[in-house]
Amino acid sequence: MHHSRKSVLIKAALGLSLMAAVFALSAEAQVTQDFHRTIPLSSTGRVSLENINGNVTVTGWERNEVQIDAVKKARDQQKLDEARIEVDATSD
């Protein structure tokens, strides 16, 4: 099946909605933890994002993958450990 370049770029932009997702759990955060992951994404793949707090930046590119870069922030280590970044990746 043929997909237009625009369609692929839109899907890449959606996929990259996870890129640079920042989970700011507190304005006075004292501890942080970086998260980095790259996941293959076909031109027909889909990405969805749920974010309860913080900023999200979406950047499109011409690769068949999604790059996720996130920073968790919290007041203390216990709260940081409770905050979760969950990635559920399947073949499509």
PDB file of N, CA and C in Angstrom:
ATOM      1  N   MET A   1       0.840  -1.175   0.000  1.00  0.00           N
ATOM      2  CA  MET A   1       0.000   0.000   0.000  1.00  0.00           C
ATOM      3  C   MET A   1       0.884   1.237   0.000  1.00  0.00           C
ATOM      4  N   HIS A   2       0.584   2.215  -0.847  1.00  0.00           N
ATOM      5  CA  HIS A   2       1.400   3.413  -0.972  1.00  0.00           C
ATOM      6  C   HIS A   2       0.868   4.486  -0.019  1.00  0.00           C
ATOM      7  N   HIS A   3       1.781   5.113   0.702  1.00  0.00           N
ATOM      8  CA  HIS A   3       1.411   6.195   1.614  1.00  0.00           C
ATOM      9  C   HIS A   3       2.114   7.459   1.163  1.00  0.00           C
ATOM     10  N   SER A   4       1.397   8.538   1.151  1.00  0.00           N
ATOM     11  CA  SER A   4       2.000   9.798   0.724  1.00  0.00           C
ATOM     12  C   SER A   4       3.023  10.266   1.750  1.00  0.00           C
ATOM     13  N   ARG A   5       3.939  11.084   1.293  1.00  0.00           N
ATOM     14  CA  ARG A   5       4.972  11.641   2.184  1.00  0.00           C
ATOM     15  C   ARG A   5       4.312  12.423   3.318  1.00  0.00           C
ATOM     16  N   LYS A   6       3.260  13.163   3.000  1.00  0.00           N
ATOM     17  CA  LYS A   6       2.556  13.941   4.020  1.00  0.00           C
ATOM     18  C   LYS A   6       1.986  13.019   5.082  1.00  0.00           C
ATOM     19  N   SER A   7       1.406  11.897   4.675  1.00  0.00           N
ATOM     20  CA  SER A   7       0.843  10.939   5.616  1.00  0.00           C
ATOM     21  C   SER A   7       1.916  10.377   6.525  1.00  0.00           C
ATOM     22  N   VAL A   8       3.066  10.048   5.945  1.00  0.00           N
ATOM     23  CA  VAL A   8       4.167   9.499   6.735  1.00  0.00           C
ATOM     24  C   VAL A   8       4.668  10.548   7.723  1.00  0.00           C
ATOM     25  N   LEU A   9       4.797  11.793   7.278  1.00  0.00           N
ATOM     26  CA  LEU A   9       5.276  12.848   8.167  1.00  0.00           C
ATOM     27  C   LEU A   9       4.285  13.125   9.287  1.00  0.00           C
ATOM     28  N   ILE A  10       2.996  13.084   8.990  1.00  0.00           N
ATOM     29  CA  ILE A  10       1.984  13.276  10.028  1.00  0.00           C
ATOM     30  C   ILE A  10       2.083  12.163  11.054  1.00  0.00           C
ATOM     31  N   LYS A  11       2.225  10.932  10.578  1.00  0.00           N
ATOM     32  CA  LYS A  11       2.347   9.814  11.512  1.00  0.00           C
ATOM     33  C   LYS A  11       3.634   9.916  12.325  1.00  0.00           C
ATOM     34  N   ALA A  12       4.687  10.386  11.696  1.00  0.00           N
ATOM     35  CA  ALA A  12       5.947  10.577  12.426  1.00  0.00           C
ATOM     36  C   ALA A  12       5.773  11.648  13.482  1.00  0.00           C
ATOM     37  N   ALA A  13       5.061  12.714  13.141  1.00  0.00           N
ATOM     38  CA  ALA A  13       4.833  13.781  14.113  1.00  0.00           C
ATOM     39  C   ALA A  13       4.022  13.268  15.289  1.00  0.00           C
ATOM     40  N   LEU A  14       3.004  12.450  14.999  1.00  0.00           N
ATOM     41  CA  LEU A  14       2.227  11.862  16.083  1.00  0.00           C
ATOM     42  C   LEU A  14       3.086  10.940  16.923  1.00  0.00           C
ATOM     43  N   GLY A  15       3.916  10.162  16.236  1.00  0.00           N
ATOM     44  CA  GLY A  15       4.800   9.257  16.958  1.00  0.00           C
ATOM     45  C   GLY A  15       5.768  10.007  17.844  1.00  0.00           C
ATOM     46  N   LEU A  16       6.186  11.130  17.370  1.00  0.00           N
ATOM     47  CA  LEU A  16       7.156  11.895  18.138  1.00  0.00           C
ATOM     48  C   LEU A  16       6.501  12.768  19.191  1.00  0.00           C
ATOM     49  N   SER A  17       5.171  12.658  19.309  1.00  0.00           N
ATOM     50  CA  SER A  17       4.516  13.384  20.383  1.00  0.00           C
ATOM     51  C   SER A  17       5.032  12.916  21.729  1.00  0.00           C
ATOM     52  N   LEU A  18       5.578  11.722  21.736  1.00  0.00           N
ATOM     53  CA  LEU A  18       6.182  11.227  22.961  1.00  0.00           C
ATOM     54  C   LEU A  18       7.559  11.812  23.188  1.00  0.00           C
ATOM     55  N   MET A  19       8.153  12.290  22.101  1.00  0.00           N
ATOM     56  CA  MET A  19       9.502  12.827  22.216  1.00  0.00           C
ATOM     57  C   MET A  19       9.473  14.071  23.088  1.00  0.00           C
ATOM     58  N   ALA A  20      10.397  14.131  23.986  1.00  0.00           N
ATOM     59  CA  ALA A  20      10.551  15.256  24.889  1.00  0.00           C
ATOM     60  C   ALA A  20       9.360  15.441  25.818  1.00  0.00           C
ATOM     61  N   ALA A  21       8.644  14.381  26.104  1.00  0.00           N
ATOM     62  CA  ALA A  21       7.560  14.451  27.075  1.00  0.00           C
ATOM     63  C   ALA A  21       8.169  14.692  28.447  1.00  0.00           C
ATOM     64  N   VAL A  22       7.728  15.732  29.117  1.00  0.00           N
ATOM     65  CA  VAL A  22       8.302  16.071  30.407  1.00  0.00           C
ATOM     66  C   VAL A  22       7.233  15.876  31.470  1.00  0.00           C
ATOM     67  N   PHE A  23       7.514  15.004  32.428  1.00  0.00           N
ATOM     68  CA  PHE A  23       6.590  14.737  33.515  1.00  0.00           C
ATOM     69  C   PHE A  23       7.030  15.580  34.717  1.00  0.00           C
ATOM     70  N   ALA A  24       6.496  16.780  34.841  1.00  0.00           N
ATOM     71  CA  ALA A  24       6.851  17.668  35.939  1.00  0.00           C
ATOM     72  C   ALA A  24       5.851  17.441  37.073  1.00  0.00           C
ATOM     73  N   LEU A  25       6.227  16.686  38.057  1.00  0.00           N
ATOM     74  CA  LEU A  25       5.318  16.331  39.132  1.00  0.00           C
ATOM     75  C   LEU A  25       5.257  17.396  40.220  1.00  0.00           C
ATOM     76  N   SER A  26       6.180  18.317  40.218  1.00  0.00           N
ATOM     77  CA  SER A  26       6.169  19.378  41.212  1.00  0.00           C
ATOM     78  C   SER A  26       6.946  20.575  40.699  1.00  0.00           C
ATOM     79  N   ALA A  27       6.433  21.759  40.958  1.00  0.00           N
ATOM     80  CA  ALA A  27       7.143  22.966  40.542  1.00  0.00           C
ATOM     81  C   ALA A  27       8.442  23.122  41.330  1.00  0.00           C
ATOM     82  N   GLU A  28       8.498  22.558  42.521  1.00  0.00           N
ATOM     83  CA  GLU A  28       9.694  22.642  43.358  1.00  0.00           C
ATOM     84  C   GLU A  28      10.474  21.333  43.320  1.00  0.00           C
ATOM     85  N   ALA A  29      10.519  20.698  42.205  1.00  0.00           N
ATOM     86  CA  ALA A  29      11.174  19.396  42.092  1.00  0.00           C
ATOM     87  C   ALA A  29      12.627  19.463  42.548  1.00  0.00           C
ATOM     88  N   GLN A  30      13.041  18.440  43.295  1.00  0.00           N
ATOM     89  CA  GLN A  30      14.411  18.376  43.781  1.00  0.00           C
ATOM     90  C   GLN A  30      15.162  17.188  43.201  1.00  0.00           C
ATOM     91  N   VAL A  31      14.449  16.189  42.719  1.00  0.00           N
ATOM     92  CA  VAL A  31      15.089  15.021  42.120  1.00  0.00           C
ATOM     93  C   VAL A  31      14.516  14.804  40.722  1.00  0.00           C
ATOM     94  N   THR A  32      15.373  14.317  39.816  1.00  0.00           N
ATOM     95  CA  THR A  32      14.945  14.065  38.446  1.00  0.00           C
ATOM     96  C   THR A  32      15.486  12.727  37.970  1.00  0.00           C
ATOM     97  N   GLN A  33      14.866  12.202  36.933  1.00  0.00           N
ATOM     98  CA  GLN A  33      15.322  10.965  36.304  1.00  0.00           C
ATOM     99  C   GLN A  33      15.043  11.060  34.812  1.00  0.00           C
ATOM    100  N   ASP A  34      16.085  10.872  33.998  1.00  0.00           N
ATOM    101  CA  ASP A  34      15.941  10.896  32.545  1.00  0.00           C
ATOM    102  C   ASP A  34      15.455   9.547  32.045  1.00  0.00           C
ATOM    103  N   PHE A  35      14.711   9.579  30.940  1.00  0.00           N
ATOM    104  CA  PHE A  35      14.200   8.375  30.286  1.00  0.00           C
ATOM    105  C   PHE A  35      14.420   8.542  28.791  1.00  0.00           C
ATOM    106  N   HIS A  36      15.041   7.545  28.164  1.00  0.00           N
ATOM    107  CA  HIS A  36      15.288   7.590  26.717  1.00  0.00           C
ATOM    108  C   HIS A  36      14.990   6.221  26.120  1.00  0.00           C
ATOM    109  N   ARG A  37      14.257   6.231  25.012  1.00  0.00           N
ATOM    110  CA  ARG A  37      13.949   4.972  24.329  1.00  0.00           C
ATOM    111  C   ARG A  37      13.619   5.269  22.874  1.00  0.00           C
ATOM    112  N   THR A  38      14.047   4.388  21.986  1.00  0.00           N
ATOM    113  CA  THR A  38      13.720   4.502  20.568  1.00  0.00           C
ATOM    114  C   THR A  38      12.990   3.233  20.154  1.00  0.00           C
ATOM    115  N   ILE A  39      11.869   3.402  19.464  1.00  0.00           N
ATOM    116  CA  ILE A  39      11.005   2.284  19.096  1.00  0.00           C
ATOM    117  C   ILE A  39      10.716   2.362  17.601  1.00  0.00           C
ATOM    118  N   PRO A  40      10.841   1.251  16.880  1.00  0.00           N
ATOM    119  CA  PRO A  40      10.495   1.250  15.451  1.00  0.00           C
ATOM    120  C   PRO A  40       9.014   1.585  15.246  1.00  0.00           C
ATOM    121  N   LEU A  41       8.703   2.300  14.165  1.00  0.00           N
ATOM    122  CA  LEU A  41       7.320   2.641  13.835  1.00  0.00           C
ATOM    123  C   LEU A  41       7.172   2.574  12.325  1.00  0.00           C
ATOM    124  N   SER A  42       6.319   1.689  11.850  1.00  0.00           N
ATOM    125  CA  SER A  42       6.102   1.573  10.405  1.00  0.00           C
ATOM    126  C   SER A  42       5.340   2.794   9.905  1.00  0.00           C
ATOM    127  N   SER A  43       5.333   2.965   8.604  1.00  0.00           N
ATOM    128  CA  SER A  43       4.630   4.109   8.015  1.00  0.00           C
ATOM    129  C   SER A  43       3.121   4.031   8.248  1.00  0.00           C
ATOM    130  N   THR A  44       2.613   2.867   8.606  1.00  0.00           N
ATOM    131  CA  THR A  44       1.185   2.727   8.906  1.00  0.00           C
ATOM    132  C   THR A  44       0.933   2.633  10.411  1.00  0.00           C
ATOM    133  N   GLY A  45       1.972   2.792  11.198  1.00  0.00           N
ATOM    134  CA  GLY A  45       1.852   2.678  12.652  1.00  0.00           C
ATOM    135  C   GLY A  45       1.117   3.854  13.273  1.00  0.00           C
ATOM    136  N   ARG A  46       0.691   3.659  14.523  1.00  0.00           N
ATOM    137  CA  ARG A  46      -0.024   4.696  15.275  1.00  0.00           C
ATOM    138  C   ARG A  46       0.645   4.885  16.620  1.00  0.00           C
ATOM    139  N   VAL A  47       0.502   6.070  17.139  1.00  0.00           N
ATOM    140  CA  VAL A  47       0.997   6.386  18.476  1.00  0.00           C
ATOM    141  C   VAL A  47      -0.087   7.154  19.199  1.00  0.00           C
ATOM    142  N   SER A  48      -0.279   6.831  20.458  1.00  0.00           N
ATOM    143  CA  SER A  48      -1.174   7.638  21.290  1.00  0.00           C
ATOM    144  C   SER A  48      -0.407   8.002  22.552  1.00  0.00           C
ATOM    145  N   LEU A  49      -0.792   9.095  23.160  1.00  0.00           N
ATOM    146  CA  LEU A  49      -0.082   9.618  24.314  1.00  0.00           C
ATOM    147  C   LEU A  49      -1.078  10.032  25.375  1.00  0.00           C
ATOM    148  N   GLU A  50      -0.808   9.641  26.593  1.00  0.00           N
ATOM    149  CA  GLU A  50      -1.568  10.129  27.736  1.00  0.00           C
ATOM    150  C   GLU A  50      -0.574  10.775  28.676  1.00  0.00           C
ATOM    151  N   ASN A  51      -0.851  11.973  29.083  1.00  0.00           N
ATOM    152  CA  ASN A  51       0.046  12.715  29.961  1.00  0.00           C
ATOM    153  C   ASN A  51      -0.792  13.400  31.029  1.00  0.00           C
ATOM    154  N   ILE A  52      -0.460  13.175  32.283  1.00  0.00           N
ATOM    155  CA  ILE A  52      -1.256  13.771  33.353  1.00  0.00           C
ATOM    156  C   ILE A  52      -0.681  15.079  33.870  1.00  0.00           C
ATOM    157  N   ASN A  53       0.591  15.349  33.556  1.00  0.00           N
ATOM    158  CA  ASN A  53       1.200  16.571  34.079  1.00  0.00           C
ATOM    159  C   ASN A  53       2.469  16.888  33.301  1.00  0.00           C
ATOM    160  N   GLY A  54       2.694  18.141  33.024  1.00  0.00           N
ATOM    161  CA  GLY A  54       3.931  18.546  32.363  1.00  0.00           C
ATOM    162  C   GLY A  54       3.707  18.901  30.907  1.00  0.00           C
ATOM    163  N   ASN A  55       4.792  19.316  30.279  1.00  0.00           N
ATOM    164  CA  ASN A  55       4.762  19.754  28.885  1.00  0.00           C
ATOM    165  C   ASN A  55       5.103  18.611  27.943  1.00  0.00           C
ATOM    166  N   VAL A  56       4.587  18.702  26.734  1.00  0.00           N
ATOM    167  CA  VAL A  56       4.890  17.742  25.679  1.00  0.00           C
ATOM    168  C   VAL A  56       5.283  18.531  24.433  1.00  0.00           C
ATOM    169  N   THR A  57       6.383  18.137  23.814  1.00  0.00           N
ATOM    170  CA  THR A  57       6.837  18.748  22.579  1.00  0.00           C
ATOM    171  C   THR A  57       6.844  17.690  21.484  1.00  0.00           C
ATOM    172  N   VAL A  58       6.280  18.017  20.326  1.00  0.00           N
ATOM    173  CA  VAL A  58       6.226  17.094  19.196  1.00  0.00           C
ATOM    174  C   VAL A  58       7.113  17.638  18.086  1.00  0.00           C
ATOM    175  N   THR A  59       7.993  16.789  17.596  1.00  0.00           N
ATOM    176  CA  THR A  59       8.862  17.161  16.483  1.00  0.00           C
ATOM    177  C   THR A  59       8.835  16.043  15.455  1.00  0.00           C
ATOM    178  N   GLY A  60       8.541  16.365  14.210  1.00  0.00           N
ATOM    179  CA  GLY A  60       8.504  15.362  13.153  1.00  0.00           C
ATOM    180  C   GLY A  60       9.876  15.148  12.536  1.00  0.00           C
ATOM    181  N   TRP A  61      10.076  13.964  11.975  1.00  0.00           N
ATOM    182  CA  TRP A  61      11.297  13.650  11.256  1.00  0.00           C
ATOM    183  C   TRP A  61      10.998  12.563  10.246  1.00  0.00           C
ATOM    184  N   GLU A  62      11.985  12.199   9.420  1.00  0.00           N
ATOM    185  CA  GLU A  62      11.762  11.251   8.333  1.00  0.00           C
ATOM    186  C   GLU A  62      12.326   9.875   8.648  1.00  0.00           C
ATOM    187  N   ARG A  63      12.149   9.402   9.834  1.00  0.00           N
ATOM    188  CA  ARG A  63      12.611   8.073  10.222  1.00  0.00           C
ATOM    189  C   ARG A  63      11.415   7.216  10.585  1.00  0.00           C
ATOM    190  N   ASN A  64      11.557   5.908  10.431  1.00  0.00           N
ATOM    191  CA  ASN A  64      10.499   4.976  10.795  1.00  0.00           C
ATOM    192  C   ASN A  64      10.693   4.513  12.234  1.00  0.00           C
ATOM    193  N   GLU A  65      10.763   5.481  13.123  1.00  0.00           N
ATOM    194  CA  GLU A  65      10.914   5.182  14.543  1.00  0.00           C
ATOM    195  C   GLU A  65      10.443   6.378  15.359  1.00  0.00           C
ATOM    196  N   VAL A  66      10.181   6.105  16.618  1.00  0.00           N
ATOM    197  CA  VAL A  66       9.775   7.123  17.571  1.00  0.00           C
ATOM    198  C   VAL A  66      10.866   7.216  18.620  1.00  0.00           C
ATOM    199  N   GLN A  67      11.319   8.407  18.881  1.00  0.00           N
ATOM    200  CA  GLN A  67      12.316   8.617  19.925  1.00  0.00           C
ATOM    201  C   GLN A  67      11.610   9.272  21.102  1.00  0.00           C
ATOM    202  N   ILE A  68      11.723   8.665  22.247  1.00  0.00           N
ATOM    203  CA  ILE A  68      11.084   9.181  23.460  1.00  0.00           C
ATOM    204  C   ILE A  68      12.173   9.686  24.390  1.00  0.00           C
ATOM    205  N   ASP A  69      12.115  10.942  24.724  1.00  0.00           N
ATOM    206  CA  ASP A  69      13.013  11.544  25.693  1.00  0.00           C
ATOM    207  C   ASP A  69      12.140  12.221  26.742  1.00  0.00           C
ATOM    208  N   ALA A  70      12.241  11.800  27.968  1.00  0.00           N
ATOM    209  CA  ALA A  70      11.408  12.343  29.031  1.00  0.00           C
ATOM    210  C   ALA A  70      12.253  12.585  30.271  1.00  0.00           C
ATOM    211  N   VAL A  71      11.758  13.471  31.117  1.00  0.00           N
ATOM    212  CA  VAL A  71      12.391  13.735  32.402  1.00  0.00           C
ATOM    213  C   VAL A  71      11.299  13.699  33.461  1.00  0.00           C
ATOM    214  N   LYS A  72      11.459  12.796  34.409  1.00  0.00           N
ATOM    215  CA  LYS A  72      10.548  12.774  35.557  1.00  0.00           C
ATOM    216  C   LYS A  72      11.138  13.698  36.618  1.00  0.00           C
ATOM    217  N   LYS A  73      10.269  14.446  37.303  1.00  0.00           N
ATOM    218  CA  LYS A  73      10.696  15.345  38.374  1.00  0.00           C
ATOM    219  C   LYS A  73       9.773  15.160  39.570  1.00  0.00           C
ATOM    220  N   ALA A  74      10.349  15.245  40.768  1.00  0.00           N
ATOM    221  CA  ALA A  74       9.543  15.105  41.976  1.00  0.00           C
ATOM    222  C   ALA A  74      10.221  15.804  43.147  1.00  0.00           C
ATOM    223  N   ARG A  75       9.452  15.972  44.218  1.00  0.00           N
ATOM    224  CA  ARG A  75       9.984  16.596  45.431  1.00  0.00           C
ATOM    225  C   ARG A  75      11.012  15.717  46.119  1.00  0.00           C
ATOM    226  N   ASP A  76      10.792  14.398  46.059  1.00  0.00           N
ATOM    227  CA  ASP A  76      11.701  13.473  46.749  1.00  0.00           C
ATOM    228  C   ASP A  76      11.769  12.150  45.990  1.00  0.00           C
ATOM    229  N   GLN A  77      12.688  11.279  46.377  1.00  0.00           N
ATOM    230  CA  GLN A  77      12.920  10.022  45.665  1.00  0.00           C
ATOM    231  C   GLN A  77      11.699   9.109  45.686  1.00  0.00           C
ATOM    232  N   GLN A  78      10.975   9.085  46.792  1.00  0.00           N
ATOM    233  CA  GLN A  78       9.786   8.225  46.877  1.00  0.00           C
ATOM    234  C   GLN A  78       8.752   8.625  45.831  1.00  0.00           C
ATOM    235  N   LYS A  79       8.488   9.918  45.720  1.00  0.00           N
ATOM    236  CA  LYS A  79       7.526  10.394  44.719  1.00  0.00           C
ATOM    237  C   LYS A  79       8.045  10.134  43.301  1.00  0.00           C
ATOM    238  N   LEU A  80       9.348  10.275  43.112  1.00  0.00           N
ATOM    239  CA  LEU A  80       9.935  10.007  41.802  1.00  0.00           C
ATOM    240  C   LEU A  80       9.748   8.539  41.423  1.00  0.00           C
ATOM    241  N   ASP A  81       9.963   7.650  42.383  1.00  0.00           N
ATOM    242  CA  ASP A  81       9.793   6.218  42.132  1.00  0.00           C
ATOM    243  C   ASP A  81       8.345   5.852  41.836  1.00  0.00           C
ATOM    244  N   GLU A  82       7.405   6.599  42.386  1.00  0.00           N
ATOM    245  CA  GLU A  82       5.977   6.340  42.158  1.00  0.00           C
ATOM    246  C   GLU A  82       5.526   6.793  40.767  1.00  0.00           C
ATOM    247  N   ALA A  83       6.185   7.793  40.227  1.00  0.00           N
ATOM    248  CA  ALA A  83       5.847   8.291  38.884  1.00  0.00           C
ATOM    249  C   ALA A  83       6.321   7.274  37.853  1.00  0.00           C
ATOM    250  N   ARG A  84       5.460   6.952  36.892  1.00  0.00           N
ATOM    251  CA  ARG A  84       5.796   5.913  35.923  1.00  0.00           C
ATOM    252  C   ARG A  84       5.701   6.423  34.498  1.00  0.00           C
ATOM    253  N   ILE A  85       6.634   5.989  33.689  1.00  0.00           N
ATOM    254  CA  ILE A  85       6.564   6.196  32.249  1.00  0.00           C
ATOM    255  C   ILE A  85       6.333   4.818  31.667  1.00  0.00           C
ATOM    256  N   GLU A  86       5.188   4.606  31.052  1.00  0.00           N
ATOM    257  CA  GLU A  86       4.846   3.306  30.497  1.00  0.00           C
ATOM    258  C   GLU A  86       4.817   3.397  28.977  1.00  0.00           C
ATOM    259  N   VAL A  87       5.544   2.526  28.335  1.00  0.00           N
ATOM    260  CA  VAL A  87       5.567   2.446  26.876  1.00  0.00           C
ATOM    261  C   VAL A  87       5.083   1.061  26.495  1.00  0.00           C
ATOM    262  N   ASP A  88       4.003   1.010  25.749  1.00  0.00           N
ATOM    263  CA  ASP A  88       3.447  -0.260  25.279  1.00  0.00           C
ATOM    264  C   ASP A  88       3.618  -0.287  23.766  1.00  0.00           C
ATOM    265  N   ALA A  89       4.650  -0.979  23.304  1.00  0.00           N
ATOM    266  CA  ALA A  89       4.953  -1.003  21.874  1.00  0.00           C
ATOM    267  C   ALA A  89       4.625  -2.370  21.292  1.00  0.00           C
ATOM    268  N   THR A  90       3.907  -2.364  20.170  1.00  0.00           N
ATOM    269  CA  THR A  90       3.619  -3.602  19.438  1.00  0.00           C
ATOM    270  C   THR A  90       4.182  -3.448  18.032  1.00  0.00           C
ATOM    271  N   SER A  91       4.074  -4.490  17.244  1.00  0.00           N
ATOM    272  CA  SER A  91       4.667  -4.468  15.910  1.00  0.00           C
ATOM    273  C   SER A  91       4.034  -3.441  14.970  1.00  0.00           C
ATOM    274  N   ASP A  92       2.835  -2.966  15.272  1.00  0.00           N
ATOM    275  CA  ASP A  92       2.206  -1.968  14.409  1.00  0.00           C
ATOM    276  C   ASP A  92       2.062  -0.626  15.103  1.00  0.00           C
TER     277      ASP A  92
END
